[in-house]
Protein backbone atom coordinates (compact mmCIF):
# COMPACT_ATOMS: atom_id res chain seq x y z
CA MET A 1 -26.43 5.63 25.50
CA LYS A 2 -26.97 6.71 21.83
CA ARG A 3 -24.35 6.64 19.16
CA THR A 4 -22.88 9.91 17.91
CA PRO A 5 -22.96 10.52 14.25
CA GLU A 6 -19.25 9.49 14.14
CA GLY A 7 -20.16 6.30 16.14
CA GLU A 8 -22.94 5.49 13.69
CA ALA A 9 -20.36 5.95 10.78
CA LEU A 10 -17.95 3.78 12.59
CA THR A 11 -20.57 1.16 13.12
CA SER A 12 -21.28 1.18 9.37
CA LEU A 13 -17.65 0.80 8.63
CA ILE A 14 -17.32 -2.11 11.10
CA LEU A 15 -20.28 -3.83 9.43
CA GLU A 16 -18.80 -3.22 6.01
CA THR A 17 -15.43 -4.64 7.24
CA PHE A 18 -17.28 -7.82 8.16
CA ARG A 19 -18.79 -8.13 4.77
CA LEU A 20 -15.37 -7.22 3.19
CA ASN A 21 -13.79 -10.00 5.13
CA GLY A 22 -16.07 -12.64 3.75
CA ALA A 23 -15.67 -11.41 0.25
CA LEU A 24 -11.73 -11.33 0.69
CA LEU A 25 -11.94 -14.94 1.99
CA ALA A 26 -14.09 -16.08 -0.94
CA SER A 27 -11.95 -14.43 -3.45
CA GLY A 28 -8.79 -15.64 -1.93
CA ASN A 29 -10.03 -19.15 -1.98
CA ARG A 30 -10.67 -18.76 -5.72
CA LEU A 31 -7.26 -17.29 -6.36
CA THR A 32 -5.58 -20.13 -4.41
CA ARG A 33 -7.55 -23.10 -5.72
CA PRO A 34 -5.35 -23.78 -8.58
CA PHE A 35 -2.51 -24.16 -6.07
CA GLU A 36 -4.43 -26.45 -3.75
CA LEU A 37 -4.53 -23.77 -1.15
CA THR A 38 -7.07 -21.81 0.76
CA SER A 39 -7.24 -18.12 1.93
CA ALA A 40 -6.35 -19.37 5.43
CA ARG A 41 -3.36 -21.28 4.22
CA TRP A 42 -2.26 -18.32 2.03
CA GLN A 43 -2.58 -16.04 5.13
CA VAL A 44 -0.16 -18.20 7.01
CA LEU A 45 2.34 -18.30 4.11
CA GLY A 46 2.49 -14.78 3.61
CA PRO A 47 4.47 -13.78 6.58
CA ILE A 48 7.11 -16.51 6.03
CA GLU A 49 7.70 -15.34 2.40
CA GLY A 50 10.59 -13.12 3.54
CA GLN A 51 11.90 -15.07 6.58
CA PRO A 52 11.12 -18.18 8.60
CA LEU A 53 9.03 -17.59 11.74
CA SER A 54 7.56 -19.68 14.59
CA VAL A 55 3.81 -20.47 14.69
CA ALA A 56 3.48 -17.85 17.45
CA GLN A 57 5.10 -14.96 15.58
CA ILE A 58 3.02 -15.89 12.52
CA ALA A 59 -0.16 -15.81 14.71
CA ARG A 60 0.83 -12.41 16.20
CA ARG A 61 1.65 -10.74 12.97
CA MET A 62 -1.50 -11.79 11.32
CA GLY A 63 -4.09 -11.42 14.24
CA LEU A 64 -4.74 -15.16 14.37
CA ALA A 65 -5.09 -17.78 17.12
CA ARG A 66 -1.92 -19.81 17.55
CA GLN A 67 -3.72 -23.06 17.55
CA GLY A 68 -5.30 -22.20 14.14
CA VAL A 69 -2.04 -21.32 12.82
CA GLN A 70 -0.49 -24.71 14.17
CA ARG A 71 -3.30 -26.74 12.45
CA ILE A 72 -2.70 -25.03 9.05
CA VAL A 73 1.21 -25.38 9.41
CA ASN A 74 0.70 -29.11 9.85
CA ASP A 75 -1.53 -29.22 6.61
CA LEU A 76 1.22 -27.17 4.73
CA LEU A 77 3.93 -29.71 6.03
CA GLY A 78 1.79 -32.53 4.81
CA LEU A 79 1.56 -30.87 1.41
CA GLY A 80 5.40 -30.19 1.30
CA ILE A 81 4.94 -26.37 0.98
CA VAL A 82 6.71 -25.68 4.40
CA VAL A 83 9.45 -27.35 6.39
CA LEU A 84 10.41 -26.93 10.00
CA GLU A 85 13.76 -25.36 10.84
CA PRO A 86 15.52 -25.32 14.22
CA ASN A 87 15.00 -22.07 16.08
CA ILE A 88 18.14 -21.30 18.03
CA ASP A 89 16.15 -18.85 20.21
CA HIS A 90 13.47 -21.34 21.53
CA LYS A 91 14.31 -25.02 20.91
CA ARG A 92 10.58 -26.21 21.33
CA ALA A 93 9.22 -23.53 18.65
CA PRO A 94 10.65 -24.45 15.40
CA LEU A 95 10.75 -21.92 12.47
CA ILE A 96 8.47 -22.42 9.65
CA ALA A 97 10.02 -21.90 6.30
CA LEU A 98 9.00 -22.22 2.64
CA THR A 99 10.22 -25.27 0.78
CA ASP A 100 11.49 -24.81 -2.93
CA ALA A 101 7.92 -25.81 -3.98
CA GLY A 102 6.24 -23.45 -1.58
CA LYS A 103 8.52 -20.63 -2.81
CA LYS A 104 7.40 -21.29 -6.47
CA ILE A 105 3.65 -21.28 -5.35
CA MET A 106 4.09 -18.00 -3.61
CA VAL A 107 5.91 -16.39 -6.74
CA GLU A 108 3.03 -17.54 -8.92
CA LEU A 109 0.34 -16.49 -6.34
CA ASP A 110 2.02 -13.09 -6.14
CA LYS A 111 1.56 -12.69 -10.01
CA VAL A 112 -2.15 -13.70 -9.71
CA GLN A 113 -2.94 -11.49 -6.71
CA ALA A 114 -1.19 -8.48 -8.51
CA ALA A 115 -3.40 -8.82 -11.68
CA TRP A 116 -6.33 -9.22 -9.35
CA VAL A 117 -5.74 -6.31 -7.03
CA ASN A 118 -4.84 -4.07 -9.99
CA ARG A 119 -8.22 -4.72 -11.56
CA LEU A 120 -9.89 -4.31 -8.21
CA VAL A 121 -8.32 -0.81 -7.59
CA GLY A 122 -9.63 0.48 -10.90
CA GLY A 123 -11.21 4.03 -10.43
CA LEU A 124 -9.68 4.68 -6.98
CA SER A 125 -6.61 6.76 -6.40
CA GLU A 126 -3.67 5.80 -4.19
CA ARG A 127 -4.56 8.87 -1.92
CA GLU A 128 -8.12 7.37 -1.46
CA VAL A 129 -7.00 3.87 -0.66
CA ARG A 130 -4.28 5.23 1.75
CA GLN A 131 -6.97 7.30 3.61
CA ALA A 132 -8.96 4.13 4.07
CA LEU A 133 -6.19 2.24 5.21
CA LYS A 134 -5.16 4.87 7.74
CA ILE A 135 -8.74 4.80 9.14
CA ILE A 136 -8.75 1.09 9.54
CA GLU A 137 -5.29 1.05 10.94
CA THR A 138 -6.40 3.75 13.80
CA VAL A 139 -9.40 1.64 14.63
CA ARG A 140 -7.44 -1.50 14.93
CA GLN A 141 -4.68 0.15 16.97
CA ARG A 142 -7.27 1.74 19.41
CA MET A 143 -8.82 -1.62 19.86
CA GLU A 144 -5.46 -3.26 20.61
CA GLN A 145 -4.92 -0.69 23.44
CA PRO A 146 -5.48 -2.66 26.84
CA ASP A 147 -7.52 0.15 28.36
CA SER A 148 -9.89 0.42 25.21
CA PRO A 149 -13.44 -0.54 25.45
CA GLY A 150 -13.61 -3.78 23.54
CA ALA A 151 -9.84 -4.24 23.70
CA THR A 152 -8.61 -7.43 21.72
CA THR A 153 -5.95 -8.23 24.12
């Protein structure tokens, strides 16, 4: 079977997304280096900025493997950036919360990220960015459907 023109365009988008992911990880590593973090650690810290979550909840929200999140949480515990809190809903799955030091790091990282992203978006309108976001969300949602070819679940 041959790809349709739309399928060719989506294939190009997928390949560019892979390249973008690599560039995002490299940029994230540069942004987080002064805080002794990595992109992976930052990715795990993001969801708990607003509220403590279990390892499984972080993994689901970020589309990551639970085991990988657990390894990173263990690293963050050792650095004193997160702490374990009791989970009344699941005694064997503690909640991961930011320590005061972790909160300070996230405040500073938010400032650095804001300056970086504001420079990066130069020349693009909010409308253009939201259109790109909508396409990426639609493709991801279709891939997450259990009956989808190439489903991720």
